[in-house]
């Protein structure tokens, strides 16, 4: 699927990729789902991937809240620049190690619904006009939502597919 260009395409892509992510997980035998990935990666298992997606949803929700109130959100997170994403993502990984797989699934489902609700609240123009909102700087609100939904879900699918292939070999 190509990058969404409209609100409708964004909603369809986000839902499709989200559902594909969970279908992929469900296709892995339950007893294997908490196994560690047999390849070198920051994320060591499915739970880590889901919690990474969840934490990025929370960051997006925070950016949105601050931005829509007229502020300039700290992006990607307070104390981090975009060049420091590996350090931030490692911090996220460390912070989620006590979460169960079931809890990670529930959290991601909840945050996905919250993000999708925000998307629904905007017009196509508000979503895809660059600089429509001052806080999005040179890009569009839709671009932020794409990066934190459909595109990120595809990233997660790739990691989980690689794991699934390793257990089926």
N, C-alpha and C. Protein backbone atom coordinates (compact mmCIF):
# COMPACT_ATOMS: atom_id res chain seq x y z
N UNK A 1 0.85 -1.18 0.00
CA UNK A 1 0.00 0.00 0.00
C UNK A 1 0.89 1.24 0.00
N UNK A 2 0.53 2.22 -0.82
CA UNK A 2 1.31 3.45 -0.87
C UNK A 2 0.96 4.33 0.34
N UNK A 3 1.79 5.33 0.54
CA UNK A 3 1.61 6.23 1.68
C UNK A 3 0.25 6.94 1.55
N UNK A 4 -0.54 6.94 2.63
CA UNK A 4 -1.84 7.59 2.59
C UNK A 4 -1.75 9.07 2.23
N UNK A 5 -2.69 9.51 1.41
CA UNK A 5 -2.74 10.92 0.98
C UNK A 5 -4.02 11.62 1.45
N UNK A 6 -4.93 10.84 2.01
CA UNK A 6 -6.19 11.41 2.50
C UNK A 6 -6.50 10.80 3.86
N UNK A 7 -7.42 11.44 4.55
CA UNK A 7 -7.86 10.94 5.85
C UNK A 7 -8.42 9.52 5.71
N UNK A 8 -9.24 9.30 4.70
CA UNK A 8 -9.83 7.98 4.49
C UNK A 8 -8.74 6.93 4.26
N UNK A 9 -7.77 7.25 3.43
CA UNK A 9 -6.66 6.31 3.18
C UNK A 9 -5.86 6.06 4.45
N UNK A 10 -5.66 7.10 5.25
CA UNK A 10 -4.93 6.94 6.52
C UNK A 10 -5.67 6.00 7.45
N UNK A 11 -6.96 6.22 7.60
CA UNK A 11 -7.76 5.35 8.48
C UNK A 11 -7.73 3.91 7.98
N UNK A 12 -7.92 3.72 6.68
CA UNK A 12 -7.90 2.37 6.12
C UNK A 12 -6.54 1.71 6.31
N UNK A 13 -5.47 2.44 6.04
CA UNK A 13 -4.12 1.87 6.17
C UNK A 13 -3.80 1.55 7.62
N UNK A 14 -4.14 2.45 8.52
CA UNK A 14 -3.85 2.23 9.94
C UNK A 14 -4.59 1.00 10.46
N UNK A 15 -5.87 0.90 10.13
CA UNK A 15 -6.66 -0.26 10.59
C UNK A 15 -6.16 -1.55 9.95
N UNK A 16 -5.88 -1.50 8.67
CA UNK A 16 -5.41 -2.69 7.96
C UNK A 16 -4.10 -3.20 8.57
N UNK A 17 -3.13 -2.31 8.74
CA UNK A 17 -1.82 -2.73 9.25
C UNK A 17 -1.88 -3.13 10.71
N UNK A 18 -2.74 -2.48 11.48
CA UNK A 18 -2.93 -2.86 12.88
C UNK A 18 -3.51 -4.26 12.97
N UNK A 19 -4.55 -4.52 12.17
CA UNK A 19 -5.16 -5.85 12.16
C UNK A 19 -4.19 -6.91 11.66
N UNK A 20 -3.38 -6.56 10.67
CA UNK A 20 -2.39 -7.52 10.17
C UNK A 20 -1.34 -7.84 11.24
N UNK A 21 -0.96 -6.84 12.01
CA UNK A 21 -0.01 -7.05 13.10
C UNK A 21 -0.55 -8.08 14.09
N UNK A 22 -1.79 -7.90 14.49
CA UNK A 22 -2.38 -8.83 15.46
C UNK A 22 -2.68 -10.20 14.84
N UNK A 23 -3.04 -10.24 13.58
CA UNK A 23 -3.24 -11.53 12.91
C UNK A 23 -1.93 -12.30 12.84
N UNK A 24 -0.87 -11.59 12.59
CA UNK A 24 0.45 -12.21 12.54
C UNK A 24 0.81 -12.81 13.90
N UNK A 25 0.58 -12.05 14.95
CA UNK A 25 0.86 -12.56 16.30
C UNK A 25 0.01 -13.79 16.59
N UNK A 26 -1.26 -13.73 16.24
CA UNK A 26 -2.17 -14.85 16.48
C UNK A 26 -1.78 -16.09 15.67
N UNK A 27 -1.04 -15.90 14.59
CA UNK A 27 -0.61 -17.04 13.76
C UNK A 27 0.59 -17.77 14.37
N UNK A 28 1.16 -17.21 15.40
CA UNK A 28 2.30 -17.83 16.09
C UNK A 28 1.73 -18.64 17.26
N UNK A 29 2.17 -19.88 17.41
CA UNK A 29 1.65 -20.68 18.53
C UNK A 29 1.82 -19.93 19.86
N UNK A 30 0.78 -19.99 20.65
CA UNK A 30 0.76 -19.23 21.91
C UNK A 30 1.98 -19.49 22.78
N UNK A 31 2.42 -20.74 22.83
CA UNK A 31 3.55 -21.08 23.68
C UNK A 31 4.88 -20.51 23.17
N UNK A 32 4.89 -20.03 21.94
CA UNK A 32 6.11 -19.45 21.35
C UNK A 32 6.14 -17.92 21.43
N UNK A 33 5.02 -17.31 21.72
CA UNK A 33 4.90 -15.85 21.61
C UNK A 33 5.80 -15.07 22.56
N UNK A 34 6.19 -15.64 23.69
CA UNK A 34 7.07 -14.92 24.61
C UNK A 34 8.53 -15.35 24.47
N UNK A 35 8.80 -16.20 23.50
CA UNK A 35 10.19 -16.60 23.27
C UNK A 35 11.00 -15.41 22.78
N UNK A 36 12.28 -15.45 23.10
CA UNK A 36 13.19 -14.40 22.64
C UNK A 36 13.47 -14.56 21.16
N UNK A 37 13.65 -13.43 20.49
CA UNK A 37 14.05 -13.46 19.10
C UNK A 37 15.44 -14.09 19.01
N UNK A 38 15.67 -14.98 18.05
CA UNK A 38 16.98 -15.63 17.92
C UNK A 38 17.97 -14.80 17.09
N UNK A 39 17.66 -13.53 16.90
CA UNK A 39 18.54 -12.64 16.14
C UNK A 39 18.82 -11.41 16.99
N UNK A 40 19.92 -10.77 16.69
CA UNK A 40 20.35 -9.60 17.45
C UNK A 40 19.42 -8.43 17.14
N UNK A 41 18.84 -7.86 18.16
CA UNK A 41 17.91 -6.76 17.97
C UNK A 41 17.70 -6.06 19.31
N UNK A 42 17.37 -4.79 19.27
CA UNK A 42 17.04 -4.07 20.51
C UNK A 42 15.82 -4.72 21.15
N UNK A 43 14.79 -4.97 20.35
CA UNK A 43 13.58 -5.61 20.84
C UNK A 43 13.81 -7.11 20.86
N UNK A 44 13.61 -7.71 22.00
CA UNK A 44 13.97 -9.12 22.20
C UNK A 44 12.82 -10.10 21.99
N UNK A 45 11.59 -9.57 21.92
CA UNK A 45 10.43 -10.45 21.77
C UNK A 45 9.23 -9.63 21.29
N UNK A 46 8.12 -10.30 21.08
CA UNK A 46 6.91 -9.64 20.58
C UNK A 46 6.45 -8.56 21.54
N UNK A 47 6.48 -8.84 22.82
CA UNK A 47 6.06 -7.85 23.82
C UNK A 47 6.84 -6.55 23.65
N UNK A 48 8.15 -6.66 23.43
CA UNK A 48 8.97 -5.46 23.26
C UNK A 48 8.53 -4.64 22.05
N UNK A 49 8.19 -5.32 20.96
CA UNK A 49 7.74 -4.64 19.75
C UNK A 49 6.42 -3.92 20.03
N UNK A 50 5.48 -4.60 20.67
CA UNK A 50 4.18 -4.00 20.95
C UNK A 50 4.31 -2.81 21.90
N UNK A 51 5.16 -2.95 22.90
CA UNK A 51 5.34 -1.85 23.85
C UNK A 51 6.06 -0.67 23.20
N UNK A 52 6.94 -0.94 22.26
CA UNK A 52 7.59 0.15 21.52
C UNK A 52 6.51 0.95 20.78
N UNK A 53 5.63 0.25 20.09
CA UNK A 53 4.54 0.91 19.36
C UNK A 53 3.65 1.70 20.32
N UNK A 54 3.34 1.10 21.45
CA UNK A 54 2.50 1.75 22.46
C UNK A 54 3.15 3.02 22.98
N UNK A 55 4.42 2.95 23.33
CA UNK A 55 5.11 4.12 23.88
C UNK A 55 5.19 5.25 22.84
N UNK A 56 5.35 4.89 21.57
CA UNK A 56 5.36 5.92 20.53
C UNK A 56 3.98 6.52 20.35
N UNK A 57 2.93 5.72 20.54
CA UNK A 57 1.58 6.29 20.54
C UNK A 57 1.45 7.33 21.65
N UNK A 58 1.95 6.98 22.83
CA UNK A 58 1.85 7.92 23.96
C UNK A 58 2.60 9.21 23.66
N UNK A 59 3.76 9.09 23.03
CA UNK A 59 4.50 10.31 22.67
C UNK A 59 3.69 11.14 21.67
N UNK A 60 3.12 10.48 20.67
CA UNK A 60 2.31 11.18 19.68
C UNK A 60 1.12 11.87 20.33
N UNK A 61 0.47 11.19 21.25
CA UNK A 61 -0.67 11.78 21.96
C UNK A 61 -0.24 13.00 22.76
N UNK A 62 0.94 12.95 23.35
CA UNK A 62 1.47 14.08 24.11
C UNK A 62 1.80 15.24 23.17
N UNK A 63 2.47 14.95 22.04
CA UNK A 63 2.76 16.01 21.07
C UNK A 63 1.47 16.70 20.66
N UNK A 64 0.47 15.89 20.36
CA UNK A 64 -0.81 16.40 19.90
C UNK A 64 -1.43 17.31 20.96
N UNK A 65 -1.48 16.82 22.19
CA UNK A 65 -2.08 17.59 23.28
C UNK A 65 -1.39 18.94 23.46
N UNK A 66 -0.08 18.93 23.54
CA UNK A 66 0.68 20.17 23.73
C UNK A 66 0.51 21.08 22.52
N UNK A 67 0.64 20.51 21.33
CA UNK A 67 0.54 21.30 20.11
C UNK A 67 -0.82 21.93 19.92
N UNK A 68 -1.87 21.18 20.18
CA UNK A 68 -3.21 21.69 19.97
C UNK A 68 -3.60 22.72 21.04
N UNK A 69 -2.86 22.75 22.13
CA UNK A 69 -3.09 23.78 23.16
C UNK A 69 -2.24 25.02 22.89
N UNK A 70 -1.55 25.02 21.74
CA UNK A 70 -0.76 26.19 21.36
C UNK A 70 0.70 26.12 21.74
N UNK A 71 1.10 25.03 22.37
CA UNK A 71 2.50 24.88 22.76
C UNK A 71 3.33 24.23 21.67
N UNK A 72 4.60 24.16 21.95
CA UNK A 72 5.54 23.48 21.05
C UNK A 72 6.00 22.21 21.79
N UNK A 73 5.53 21.05 21.33
CA UNK A 73 5.89 19.81 22.03
C UNK A 73 7.36 19.46 21.90
N UNK A 74 7.89 18.84 22.95
CA UNK A 74 9.26 18.32 22.91
C UNK A 74 9.23 17.05 22.08
N UNK A 75 9.88 17.11 20.93
CA UNK A 75 9.88 15.95 20.04
C UNK A 75 11.30 15.51 19.77
N UNK A 76 11.55 14.22 19.85
CA UNK A 76 10.58 13.15 20.06
C UNK A 76 10.14 13.01 21.52
N UNK A 77 11.02 13.40 22.47
CA UNK A 77 10.66 13.36 23.89
C UNK A 77 11.53 14.37 24.62
N UNK A 78 11.09 14.76 25.78
CA UNK A 78 11.84 15.72 26.58
C UNK A 78 13.28 15.24 26.78
N UNK A 79 14.22 16.10 26.40
CA UNK A 79 15.63 15.78 26.59
C UNK A 79 16.27 15.00 25.45
N UNK A 80 15.51 14.72 24.38
CA UNK A 80 16.03 13.93 23.26
C UNK A 80 15.80 14.67 21.94
N UNK A 81 16.77 14.55 21.06
CA UNK A 81 16.62 15.06 19.70
C UNK A 81 16.34 13.87 18.78
N UNK A 82 15.94 14.16 17.55
CA UNK A 82 15.68 13.09 16.59
C UNK A 82 16.95 12.29 16.32
N UNK A 83 18.10 12.90 16.46
CA UNK A 83 19.37 12.19 16.24
C UNK A 83 19.65 11.19 17.36
N UNK A 84 18.96 11.34 18.47
CA UNK A 84 19.18 10.47 19.63
C UNK A 84 18.12 9.37 19.76
N UNK A 85 17.46 9.05 18.65
CA UNK A 85 16.42 8.02 18.70
C UNK A 85 16.92 6.68 19.22
N UNK A 86 18.11 6.22 18.83
CA UNK A 86 18.56 4.94 19.39
C UNK A 86 18.63 4.94 20.92
N UNK A 87 19.07 6.04 21.49
CA UNK A 87 19.16 6.15 22.96
C UNK A 87 17.76 6.18 23.56
N UNK A 88 16.86 6.95 22.97
CA UNK A 88 15.48 7.02 23.44
C UNK A 88 14.80 5.66 23.33
N UNK A 89 14.97 5.00 22.20
CA UNK A 89 14.34 3.69 22.02
C UNK A 89 14.89 2.66 22.99
N UNK A 90 16.16 2.75 23.33
CA UNK A 90 16.74 1.85 24.32
C UNK A 90 16.13 2.13 25.70
N UNK A 91 15.94 3.40 26.01
CA UNK A 91 15.30 3.77 27.28
C UNK A 91 13.88 3.20 27.34
N UNK A 92 13.16 3.32 26.22
CA UNK A 92 11.80 2.76 26.15
C UNK A 92 11.87 1.26 26.40
N UNK A 93 12.79 0.57 25.74
CA UNK A 93 12.91 -0.88 25.90
C UNK A 93 13.13 -1.24 27.37
N UNK A 94 14.04 -0.55 28.02
CA UNK A 94 14.32 -0.84 29.43
C UNK A 94 13.09 -0.63 30.30
N UNK A 95 12.29 0.37 29.96
CA UNK A 95 11.15 0.73 30.81
C UNK A 95 9.98 -0.25 30.72
N UNK A 96 9.99 -1.16 29.75
CA UNK A 96 8.83 -2.03 29.54
C UNK A 96 9.09 -3.50 29.89
N UNK A 97 10.20 -3.78 30.52
CA UNK A 97 10.58 -5.17 30.74
C UNK A 97 9.70 -5.91 31.74
N UNK A 98 8.94 -5.20 32.55
CA UNK A 98 8.09 -5.89 33.52
C UNK A 98 6.65 -6.07 33.02
N UNK A 99 6.39 -5.68 31.80
CA UNK A 99 5.04 -5.78 31.23
C UNK A 99 4.85 -7.16 30.60
N UNK A 100 3.68 -7.74 30.80
CA UNK A 100 3.39 -9.04 30.19
C UNK A 100 2.98 -8.87 28.73
N UNK A 101 3.02 -9.95 27.99
CA UNK A 101 2.57 -9.90 26.59
C UNK A 101 1.10 -9.51 26.53
N UNK A 102 0.27 -10.10 27.37
CA UNK A 102 -1.16 -9.77 27.38
C UNK A 102 -1.36 -8.29 27.67
N UNK A 103 -0.66 -7.78 28.65
CA UNK A 103 -0.79 -6.36 29.00
C UNK A 103 -0.33 -5.48 27.84
N UNK A 104 0.74 -5.88 27.16
CA UNK A 104 1.23 -5.09 26.02
C UNK A 104 0.18 -5.05 24.91
N UNK A 105 -0.48 -6.18 24.69
CA UNK A 105 -1.54 -6.22 23.67
C UNK A 105 -2.68 -5.28 24.05
N UNK A 106 -3.10 -5.34 25.31
CA UNK A 106 -4.20 -4.49 25.77
C UNK A 106 -3.84 -3.01 25.67
N UNK A 107 -2.62 -2.67 26.07
CA UNK A 107 -2.18 -1.28 26.02
C UNK A 107 -2.13 -0.77 24.58
N UNK A 108 -1.62 -1.58 23.68
CA UNK A 108 -1.53 -1.14 22.30
C UNK A 108 -2.92 -1.00 21.67
N UNK A 109 -3.81 -1.90 21.96
CA UNK A 109 -5.18 -1.80 21.44
C UNK A 109 -5.80 -0.49 21.94
N UNK A 110 -5.63 -0.18 23.21
CA UNK A 110 -6.18 1.04 23.78
C UNK A 110 -5.57 2.29 23.15
N UNK A 111 -4.26 2.33 23.03
CA UNK A 111 -3.63 3.53 22.48
C UNK A 111 -3.96 3.69 20.99
N UNK A 112 -4.06 2.57 20.27
CA UNK A 112 -4.46 2.63 18.87
C UNK A 112 -5.84 3.27 18.75
N UNK A 113 -6.76 2.85 19.59
CA UNK A 113 -8.12 3.41 19.55
C UNK A 113 -8.10 4.90 19.85
N UNK A 114 -7.27 5.33 20.80
CA UNK A 114 -7.17 6.75 21.14
C UNK A 114 -6.62 7.56 19.96
N UNK A 115 -5.58 7.03 19.30
CA UNK A 115 -5.00 7.71 18.16
C UNK A 115 -6.02 7.78 17.01
N UNK A 116 -6.70 6.68 16.77
CA UNK A 116 -7.69 6.65 15.68
C UNK A 116 -8.83 7.63 15.95
N UNK A 117 -9.21 7.79 17.19
CA UNK A 117 -10.26 8.75 17.54
C UNK A 117 -9.83 10.16 17.18
N UNK A 118 -8.57 10.49 17.44
CA UNK A 118 -8.07 11.82 17.08
C UNK A 118 -8.09 12.03 15.57
N UNK A 119 -7.71 11.01 14.84
CA UNK A 119 -7.73 11.11 13.38
C UNK A 119 -9.15 11.40 12.91
N UNK A 120 -10.12 10.69 13.48
CA UNK A 120 -11.53 10.87 13.09
C UNK A 120 -12.02 12.30 13.31
N UNK A 121 -11.44 12.98 14.29
CA UNK A 121 -11.91 14.32 14.67
C UNK A 121 -11.47 15.41 13.70
N UNK A 122 -10.61 15.10 12.76
CA UNK A 122 -10.06 16.12 11.87
C UNK A 122 -10.59 15.97 10.45
N UNK A 123 -10.63 17.09 9.76
CA UNK A 123 -10.99 17.07 8.35
C UNK A 123 -9.77 16.64 7.54
N UNK A 124 -10.03 16.31 6.30
CA UNK A 124 -8.94 15.96 5.39
C UNK A 124 -7.96 17.13 5.27
N UNK A 125 -8.49 18.35 5.16
CA UNK A 125 -7.64 19.53 5.04
C UNK A 125 -6.76 19.69 6.28
N UNK A 126 -7.33 19.54 7.46
CA UNK A 126 -6.55 19.67 8.70
C UNK A 126 -5.46 18.60 8.77
N UNK A 127 -5.76 17.43 8.26
CA UNK A 127 -4.81 16.31 8.34
C UNK A 127 -3.67 16.44 7.34
N UNK A 128 -3.96 16.90 6.12
CA UNK A 128 -2.96 16.79 5.06
C UNK A 128 -2.46 18.10 4.47
N UNK A 129 -2.81 19.21 5.07
CA UNK A 129 -2.25 20.49 4.64
C UNK A 129 -0.99 20.74 5.46
N UNK A 130 0.13 20.86 4.78
CA UNK A 130 1.39 21.14 5.47
C UNK A 130 1.28 22.49 6.18
N UNK A 131 1.84 22.54 7.38
CA UNK A 131 1.87 23.76 8.20
C UNK A 131 0.49 24.23 8.65
N UNK A 132 -0.52 23.38 8.52
CA UNK A 132 -1.87 23.77 8.95
C UNK A 132 -1.85 24.12 10.43
N UNK A 133 -1.14 23.31 11.19
CA UNK A 133 -0.94 23.57 12.61
C UNK A 133 0.51 23.98 12.81
N UNK A 134 0.71 25.05 13.54
CA UNK A 134 2.05 25.60 13.74
C UNK A 134 3.00 24.56 14.34
N UNK A 135 2.51 23.73 15.25
CA UNK A 135 3.38 22.79 15.95
C UNK A 135 3.91 21.67 15.06
N UNK A 136 3.27 21.43 13.91
CA UNK A 136 3.76 20.37 13.02
C UNK A 136 4.89 20.89 12.12
N UNK A 137 5.24 22.16 12.30
CA UNK A 137 6.34 22.81 11.57
C UNK A 137 6.12 22.70 10.06
N UNK A 138 7.03 22.08 9.33
CA UNK A 138 6.95 22.09 7.86
C UNK A 138 6.12 20.94 7.29
N UNK A 139 5.59 20.09 8.13
CA UNK A 139 4.86 18.93 7.63
C UNK A 139 3.38 19.02 8.00
N UNK A 140 2.67 17.93 7.81
CA UNK A 140 1.24 17.90 8.11
C UNK A 140 0.98 17.03 9.34
N UNK A 141 -0.16 17.24 9.95
CA UNK A 141 -0.59 16.41 11.07
C UNK A 141 -0.70 14.95 10.62
N UNK A 142 -1.21 14.75 9.42
CA UNK A 142 -1.35 13.40 8.89
C UNK A 142 -0.03 12.66 8.83
N UNK A 143 1.02 13.36 8.52
CA UNK A 143 2.35 12.74 8.45
C UNK A 143 2.75 12.15 9.80
N UNK A 144 2.46 12.87 10.87
CA UNK A 144 2.75 12.35 12.21
C UNK A 144 1.92 11.10 12.51
N UNK A 145 0.65 11.15 12.12
CA UNK A 145 -0.22 10.00 12.36
C UNK A 145 0.20 8.79 11.52
N UNK A 146 0.60 9.01 10.29
CA UNK A 146 1.07 7.90 9.45
C UNK A 146 2.30 7.25 10.08
N UNK A 147 3.23 8.08 10.51
CA UNK A 147 4.46 7.55 11.10
C UNK A 147 4.20 6.75 12.36
N UNK A 148 3.16 7.10 13.10
CA UNK A 148 2.87 6.43 14.36
C UNK A 148 1.76 5.39 14.26
N UNK A 149 1.25 5.16 13.05
CA UNK A 149 0.26 4.10 12.89
C UNK A 149 0.72 3.16 11.77
N UNK A 150 0.19 3.33 10.58
CA UNK A 150 0.43 2.35 9.52
C UNK A 150 1.91 2.06 9.27
N UNK A 151 2.74 3.08 9.15
CA UNK A 151 4.16 2.85 8.88
C UNK A 151 4.84 2.12 10.02
N UNK A 152 4.50 2.49 11.25
CA UNK A 152 5.11 1.86 12.41
C UNK A 152 4.60 0.42 12.58
N UNK A 153 3.36 0.19 12.24
CA UNK A 153 2.82 -1.17 12.32
C UNK A 153 3.52 -2.09 11.32
N UNK A 154 3.84 -1.56 10.15
CA UNK A 154 4.58 -2.35 9.16
C UNK A 154 5.96 -2.69 9.70
N UNK A 155 6.61 -1.74 10.34
CA UNK A 155 7.91 -1.99 11.00
C UNK A 155 7.77 -3.16 11.98
N UNK A 156 6.74 -3.11 12.82
CA UNK A 156 6.53 -4.17 13.81
C UNK A 156 6.26 -5.52 13.15
N UNK A 157 5.49 -5.51 12.09
CA UNK A 157 5.20 -6.75 11.36
C UNK A 157 6.49 -7.38 10.83
N UNK A 158 7.39 -6.57 10.32
CA UNK A 158 8.64 -7.10 9.76
C UNK A 158 9.44 -7.82 10.83
N UNK A 159 9.51 -7.25 12.01
CA UNK A 159 10.25 -7.90 13.11
C UNK A 159 9.59 -9.22 13.51
N UNK A 160 8.29 -9.20 13.61
CA UNK A 160 7.57 -10.40 14.04
C UNK A 160 7.58 -11.47 12.95
N UNK A 161 7.51 -11.06 11.68
CA UNK A 161 7.63 -12.03 10.58
C UNK A 161 8.99 -12.72 10.60
N UNK A 162 10.02 -11.96 10.87
CA UNK A 162 11.37 -12.51 10.94
C UNK A 162 11.45 -13.54 12.07
N UNK A 163 10.84 -13.23 13.20
CA UNK A 163 10.79 -14.17 14.31
C UNK A 163 9.99 -15.42 13.94
N UNK A 164 8.83 -15.21 13.33
CA UNK A 164 7.97 -16.34 12.95
C UNK A 164 8.72 -17.28 11.97
N UNK A 165 9.42 -16.69 11.03
CA UNK A 165 10.18 -17.48 10.08
C UNK A 165 11.24 -18.31 10.81
N UNK A 166 11.88 -17.72 11.82
CA UNK A 166 12.93 -18.43 12.56
C UNK A 166 12.38 -19.62 13.33
N UNK A 167 11.15 -19.53 13.82
CA UNK A 167 10.59 -20.67 14.57
C UNK A 167 10.00 -21.71 13.66
N UNK A 168 9.77 -21.34 12.40
CA UNK A 168 9.22 -22.30 11.43
C UNK A 168 10.29 -22.99 10.62
N UNK A 169 11.52 -22.50 10.70
CA UNK A 169 12.62 -23.11 9.92
C UNK A 169 13.04 -24.45 10.50
